[in-house]
Amino acid sequence: MIDRGSGRNGGVTPQHPPLRLLPWTGENGKPCYLNTDDEDSLMSQLADDIEAAQLDSGTRVLAGARAVLGDAKAGERAVRFALIRSTESLEEVLRIADSRGGRLVAGQLGET
């Protein structure tokens, strides 16, 4: 992609692909990003695989939480565990949505 703005080199400024938010965090919970234009790179594939596993886990956690909430005899420990796991899964799914949404918007902007 080329932006024919007011940059040097005859007004041609190369456009870099957007950073991809990865499905894990670094030290102190800081977000990790991938800078690549190769969607088939090893790191891109690893991120895709982890996202798929997180989404699958979220589906299973949701089913478990529904089962606990549907059980009138479920104790406080079971409800707390279901809520903790649901919160963890929701955090992962929101990170995936942010990552994919950012790439979608960037892709749409690049088409103009």
N, C-alpha and C. Protein backbone atom coordinates (compact mmCIF):
# COMPACT_ATOMS: atom_id res chain seq x y z
N MET A 1 0.84 -1.18 0.00
CA MET A 1 0.00 0.00 0.00
C MET A 1 0.89 1.24 0.00
N ILE A 2 0.50 2.24 -0.72
CA ILE A 2 1.27 3.48 -0.82
C ILE A 2 0.35 4.65 -0.51
N ASP A 3 0.84 5.54 0.33
CA ASP A 3 0.13 6.78 0.61
C ASP A 3 0.84 7.89 -0.15
N ARG A 4 0.15 8.51 -1.04
CA ARG A 4 0.77 9.57 -1.84
C ARG A 4 0.53 10.91 -1.16
N GLY A 5 1.08 11.00 0.04
CA GLY A 5 0.91 12.21 0.83
C GLY A 5 2.05 13.17 0.64
N SER A 6 2.35 13.93 1.66
CA SER A 6 3.37 14.97 1.55
C SER A 6 4.71 14.52 2.12
N GLY A 7 4.96 13.21 2.18
CA GLY A 7 6.23 12.71 2.71
C GLY A 7 7.37 12.91 1.74
N ARG A 8 8.56 12.49 2.17
CA ARG A 8 9.74 12.57 1.30
C ARG A 8 9.62 11.56 0.18
N ASN A 9 10.64 11.45 -0.61
CA ASN A 9 10.68 10.50 -1.73
C ASN A 9 9.57 10.78 -2.74
N GLY A 10 9.42 12.02 -3.13
CA GLY A 10 8.45 12.35 -4.15
C GLY A 10 7.01 12.26 -3.68
N GLY A 11 6.79 12.40 -2.36
CA GLY A 11 5.43 12.35 -1.84
C GLY A 11 4.89 10.94 -1.69
N VAL A 12 5.75 9.92 -1.79
CA VAL A 12 5.31 8.54 -1.66
C VAL A 12 5.77 8.01 -0.31
N THR A 13 4.82 7.64 0.55
CA THR A 13 5.12 7.10 1.86
C THR A 13 4.61 5.67 1.94
N PRO A 14 5.48 4.69 2.22
CA PRO A 14 4.99 3.31 2.31
C PRO A 14 4.07 3.14 3.51
N GLN A 15 3.02 2.38 3.33
CA GLN A 15 2.09 2.06 4.40
C GLN A 15 2.48 0.71 4.98
N HIS A 16 2.62 0.65 6.28
CA HIS A 16 2.97 -0.59 6.94
C HIS A 16 1.69 -1.27 7.41
N PRO A 17 1.69 -2.60 7.46
CA PRO A 17 0.49 -3.28 7.95
C PRO A 17 0.27 -2.93 9.42
N PRO A 18 -0.97 -2.97 9.87
CA PRO A 18 -1.24 -2.64 11.27
C PRO A 18 -0.63 -3.71 12.18
N LEU A 19 -0.32 -3.32 13.39
CA LEU A 19 0.16 -4.28 14.37
C LEU A 19 -1.00 -5.19 14.76
N ARG A 20 -0.71 -6.47 14.90
CA ARG A 20 -1.73 -7.43 15.31
C ARG A 20 -1.64 -7.63 16.81
N LEU A 21 -2.74 -7.40 17.51
CA LEU A 21 -2.81 -7.68 18.94
C LEU A 21 -2.81 -9.20 19.11
N LEU A 22 -1.85 -9.71 19.86
CA LEU A 22 -1.73 -11.15 20.04
C LEU A 22 -2.62 -11.63 21.19
N PRO A 23 -2.99 -12.92 21.18
CA PRO A 23 -3.92 -13.43 22.18
C PRO A 23 -3.26 -13.78 23.51
N TRP A 24 -2.15 -13.15 23.83
CA TRP A 24 -1.51 -13.34 25.13
C TRP A 24 -0.90 -12.01 25.54
N THR A 25 -0.53 -11.93 26.80
CA THR A 25 0.08 -10.71 27.31
C THR A 25 1.53 -10.97 27.69
N GLY A 26 2.26 -9.90 27.84
CA GLY A 26 3.65 -9.97 28.24
C GLY A 26 3.79 -9.69 29.73
N GLU A 27 4.96 -9.20 30.09
CA GLU A 27 5.21 -8.87 31.49
C GLU A 27 4.19 -7.87 32.01
N ASN A 28 3.78 -8.10 33.24
CA ASN A 28 2.84 -7.20 33.93
C ASN A 28 1.53 -7.04 33.18
N GLY A 29 1.16 -8.03 32.38
CA GLY A 29 -0.12 -7.98 31.67
C GLY A 29 -0.16 -7.03 30.49
N LYS A 30 1.02 -6.57 30.04
CA LYS A 30 1.05 -5.64 28.92
C LYS A 30 0.72 -6.38 27.62
N PRO A 31 0.00 -5.71 26.71
CA PRO A 31 -0.36 -6.35 25.44
C PRO A 31 0.88 -6.64 24.59
N CYS A 32 0.79 -7.70 23.81
CA CYS A 32 1.84 -8.06 22.86
C CYS A 32 1.30 -7.87 21.45
N TYR A 33 2.16 -7.40 20.56
CA TYR A 33 1.77 -7.14 19.19
C TYR A 33 2.72 -7.83 18.23
N LEU A 34 2.20 -8.14 17.05
CA LEU A 34 2.99 -8.73 15.98
C LEU A 34 3.01 -7.76 14.81
N ASN A 35 4.20 -7.49 14.29
CA ASN A 35 4.35 -6.61 13.14
C ASN A 35 4.79 -7.45 11.95
N THR A 36 3.84 -7.83 11.12
CA THR A 36 4.16 -8.62 9.93
C THR A 36 3.11 -8.38 8.86
N ASP A 37 3.52 -8.53 7.62
CA ASP A 37 2.55 -8.47 6.53
C ASP A 37 2.30 -9.87 5.97
N ASP A 38 2.84 -10.89 6.65
CA ASP A 38 2.68 -12.28 6.23
C ASP A 38 1.70 -12.99 7.17
N GLU A 39 0.46 -13.11 6.71
CA GLU A 39 -0.57 -13.76 7.54
C GLU A 39 -0.30 -15.24 7.74
N ASP A 40 0.64 -15.81 6.97
CA ASP A 40 0.97 -17.22 7.10
C ASP A 40 2.29 -17.45 7.84
N SER A 41 2.82 -16.40 8.47
CA SER A 41 4.07 -16.56 9.21
C SER A 41 3.85 -17.50 10.40
N LEU A 42 4.94 -18.02 10.93
CA LEU A 42 4.86 -18.94 12.06
C LEU A 42 4.16 -18.28 13.25
N MET A 43 4.49 -17.03 13.54
CA MET A 43 3.85 -16.34 14.67
C MET A 43 2.37 -16.08 14.41
N SER A 44 2.03 -15.76 13.17
CA SER A 44 0.62 -15.55 12.83
C SER A 44 -0.17 -16.84 13.01
N GLN A 45 0.41 -17.95 12.57
CA GLN A 45 -0.25 -19.25 12.70
C GLN A 45 -0.38 -19.65 14.17
N LEU A 46 0.66 -19.38 14.97
CA LEU A 46 0.59 -19.66 16.40
C LEU A 46 -0.52 -18.85 17.05
N ALA A 47 -0.60 -17.57 16.71
CA ALA A 47 -1.66 -16.71 17.26
C ALA A 47 -3.04 -17.21 16.83
N ASP A 48 -3.18 -17.62 15.57
CA ASP A 48 -4.46 -18.16 15.09
C ASP A 48 -4.84 -19.42 15.87
N ASP A 49 -3.86 -20.31 16.09
CA ASP A 49 -4.12 -21.55 16.82
C ASP A 49 -4.53 -21.28 18.27
N ILE A 50 -3.85 -20.33 18.90
CA ILE A 50 -4.18 -20.00 20.29
C ILE A 50 -5.56 -19.35 20.36
N GLU A 51 -5.88 -18.47 19.42
CA GLU A 51 -7.22 -17.87 19.39
C GLU A 51 -8.29 -18.95 19.25
N ALA A 52 -8.06 -19.92 18.36
CA ALA A 52 -9.03 -21.00 18.16
C ALA A 52 -9.21 -21.80 19.45
N ALA A 53 -8.11 -22.09 20.13
CA ALA A 53 -8.19 -22.83 21.39
C ALA A 53 -8.92 -22.02 22.46
N GLN A 54 -8.67 -20.72 22.51
CA GLN A 54 -9.35 -19.87 23.48
C GLN A 54 -10.85 -19.80 23.21
N LEU A 55 -11.23 -19.70 21.94
CA LEU A 55 -12.65 -19.67 21.60
C LEU A 55 -13.32 -21.00 21.93
N ASP A 56 -12.64 -22.11 21.66
CA ASP A 56 -13.17 -23.42 22.00
C ASP A 56 -13.33 -23.56 23.52
N SER A 57 -12.33 -23.11 24.25
CA SER A 57 -12.40 -23.15 25.71
C SER A 57 -13.55 -22.30 26.22
N GLY A 58 -13.74 -21.13 25.62
CA GLY A 58 -14.84 -20.26 26.01
C GLY A 58 -16.20 -20.91 25.81
N THR A 59 -16.33 -21.67 24.73
CA THR A 59 -17.58 -22.39 24.48
C THR A 59 -17.84 -23.42 25.57
N ARG A 60 -16.78 -24.15 25.96
CA ARG A 60 -16.91 -25.16 27.02
C ARG A 60 -17.18 -24.52 28.38
N VAL A 61 -16.53 -23.39 28.65
CA VAL A 61 -16.75 -22.69 29.91
C VAL A 61 -18.18 -22.19 29.99
N LEU A 62 -18.69 -21.66 28.89
CA LEU A 62 -20.08 -21.19 28.86
C LEU A 62 -21.05 -22.33 29.15
N ALA A 63 -20.83 -23.48 28.55
CA ALA A 63 -21.70 -24.63 28.80
C ALA A 63 -21.64 -25.04 30.27
N GLY A 64 -20.44 -25.04 30.84
CA GLY A 64 -20.29 -25.39 32.26
C GLY A 64 -20.96 -24.38 33.16
N ALA A 65 -20.81 -23.10 32.86
CA ALA A 65 -21.43 -22.06 33.68
C ALA A 65 -22.95 -22.16 33.61
N ARG A 66 -23.47 -22.43 32.43
CA ARG A 66 -24.93 -22.60 32.31
C ARG A 66 -25.41 -23.78 33.14
N ALA A 67 -24.63 -24.86 33.13
CA ALA A 67 -25.01 -26.04 33.92
C ALA A 67 -25.01 -25.71 35.41
N VAL A 68 -24.00 -24.99 35.87
CA VAL A 68 -23.94 -24.61 37.29
C VAL A 68 -25.11 -23.70 37.64
N LEU A 69 -25.37 -22.71 36.81
CA LEU A 69 -26.47 -21.77 37.09
C LEU A 69 -27.83 -22.45 37.02
N GLY A 70 -27.93 -23.51 36.22
CA GLY A 70 -29.19 -24.23 36.11
C GLY A 70 -29.41 -25.24 37.22
N ASP A 71 -28.39 -25.46 38.05
CA ASP A 71 -28.47 -26.42 39.16
C ASP A 71 -28.79 -25.67 40.45
N ALA A 72 -30.01 -25.81 40.91
CA ALA A 72 -30.44 -25.12 42.13
C ALA A 72 -29.63 -25.55 43.35
N LYS A 73 -29.00 -26.70 43.28
CA LYS A 73 -28.22 -27.21 44.42
C LYS A 73 -26.74 -26.84 44.33
N ALA A 74 -26.36 -26.12 43.30
CA ALA A 74 -24.95 -25.74 43.15
C ALA A 74 -24.54 -24.84 44.31
N GLY A 75 -23.41 -25.15 44.89
CA GLY A 75 -22.93 -24.38 46.03
C GLY A 75 -22.15 -23.14 45.62
N GLU A 76 -21.77 -22.39 46.63
CA GLU A 76 -21.04 -21.15 46.40
C GLU A 76 -19.72 -21.41 45.67
N ARG A 77 -19.02 -22.47 46.03
CA ARG A 77 -17.74 -22.78 45.37
C ARG A 77 -17.92 -23.01 43.87
N ALA A 78 -18.95 -23.76 43.51
CA ALA A 78 -19.19 -24.05 42.09
C ALA A 78 -19.55 -22.78 41.34
N VAL A 79 -20.35 -21.94 41.94
CA VAL A 79 -20.74 -20.68 41.29
C VAL A 79 -19.53 -19.76 41.15
N ARG A 80 -18.71 -19.66 42.21
CA ARG A 80 -17.50 -18.83 42.14
C ARG A 80 -16.56 -19.33 41.05
N PHE A 81 -16.37 -20.65 40.98
CA PHE A 81 -15.47 -21.22 39.97
C PHE A 81 -16.00 -20.91 38.57
N ALA A 82 -17.30 -21.09 38.38
CA ALA A 82 -17.90 -20.81 37.07
C ALA A 82 -17.73 -19.34 36.70
N LEU A 83 -17.89 -18.46 37.67
CA LEU A 83 -17.74 -17.02 37.40
C LEU A 83 -16.29 -16.66 37.11
N ILE A 84 -15.36 -17.24 37.84
CA ILE A 84 -13.94 -16.97 37.59
C ILE A 84 -13.56 -17.41 36.19
N ARG A 85 -13.91 -18.63 35.82
CA ARG A 85 -13.58 -19.14 34.48
C ARG A 85 -14.29 -18.34 33.40
N SER A 86 -15.54 -17.94 33.65
CA SER A 86 -16.27 -17.13 32.67
C SER A 86 -15.60 -15.79 32.47
N THR A 87 -15.12 -15.19 33.54
CA THR A 87 -14.43 -13.91 33.46
C THR A 87 -13.14 -14.04 32.66
N GLU A 88 -12.38 -15.11 32.92
CA GLU A 88 -11.14 -15.35 32.17
C GLU A 88 -11.44 -15.53 30.68
N SER A 89 -12.46 -16.31 30.38
CA SER A 89 -12.82 -16.55 28.98
C SER A 89 -13.31 -15.29 28.30
N LEU A 90 -14.09 -14.49 29.00
CA LEU A 90 -14.58 -13.24 28.43
C LEU A 90 -13.41 -12.31 28.10
N GLU A 91 -12.43 -12.24 28.99
CA GLU A 91 -11.25 -11.42 28.73
C GLU A 91 -10.53 -11.87 27.46
N GLU A 92 -10.39 -13.19 27.29
CA GLU A 92 -9.73 -13.72 26.09
C GLU A 92 -10.53 -13.42 24.83
N VAL A 93 -11.84 -13.60 24.89
CA VAL A 93 -12.68 -13.37 23.72
C VAL A 93 -12.69 -11.89 23.34
N LEU A 94 -12.70 -11.01 24.33
CA LEU A 94 -12.65 -9.57 24.03
C LEU A 94 -11.32 -9.19 23.39
N ARG A 95 -10.22 -9.81 23.82
CA ARG A 95 -8.91 -9.54 23.20
C ARG A 95 -8.93 -9.99 21.75
N ILE A 96 -9.52 -11.17 21.48
CA ILE A 96 -9.62 -11.67 20.11
C ILE A 96 -10.47 -10.73 19.27
N ALA A 97 -11.59 -10.27 19.82
CA ALA A 97 -12.46 -9.34 19.08
C ALA A 97 -11.73 -8.04 18.77
N ASP A 98 -10.97 -7.51 19.74
CA ASP A 98 -10.19 -6.30 19.50
C ASP A 98 -9.17 -6.53 18.39
N SER A 99 -8.48 -7.66 18.44
CA SER A 99 -7.46 -7.97 17.44
C SER A 99 -8.07 -8.09 16.05
N ARG A 100 -9.13 -8.86 15.95
CA ARG A 100 -9.75 -9.08 14.64
C ARG A 100 -10.44 -7.81 14.13
N GLY A 101 -11.05 -7.07 15.02
CA GLY A 101 -11.69 -5.82 14.63
C GLY A 101 -10.69 -4.81 14.11
N GLY A 102 -9.54 -4.73 14.78
CA GLY A 102 -8.49 -3.82 14.33
C GLY A 102 -7.96 -4.18 12.96
N ARG A 103 -7.82 -5.47 12.70
CA ARG A 103 -7.33 -5.91 11.39
C ARG A 103 -8.40 -5.70 10.33
N LEU A 104 -9.66 -5.87 10.69
CA LEU A 104 -10.76 -5.67 9.75
C LEU A 104 -10.83 -4.21 9.32
N VAL A 105 -10.78 -3.31 10.29
CA VAL A 105 -10.83 -1.88 10.00
C VAL A 105 -9.64 -1.47 9.15
N ALA A 106 -8.45 -1.96 9.51
CA ALA A 106 -7.25 -1.63 8.74
C ALA A 106 -7.36 -2.14 7.30
N GLY A 107 -7.93 -3.33 7.14
CA GLY A 107 -8.10 -3.88 5.80
C GLY A 107 -9.08 -3.05 4.97
N GLN A 108 -10.13 -2.57 5.61
CA GLN A 108 -11.11 -1.75 4.91
C GLN A 108 -10.51 -0.39 4.52
N LEU A 109 -9.69 0.16 5.40
CA LEU A 109 -9.07 1.45 5.11
C LEU A 109 -8.07 1.32 3.97
N GLY A 110 -7.41 0.17 3.88
CA GLY A 110 -6.42 -0.06 2.83
C GLY A 110 -7.04 -0.25 1.46
N GLU A 111 -8.33 -0.54 1.40
CA GLU A 111 -9.00 -0.79 0.12
C GLU A 111 -9.40 0.49 -0.59
N THR A 112 -9.39 1.61 0.12
CA THR A 112 -9.84 2.87 -0.49
C THR A 112 -8.80 3.47 -1.37
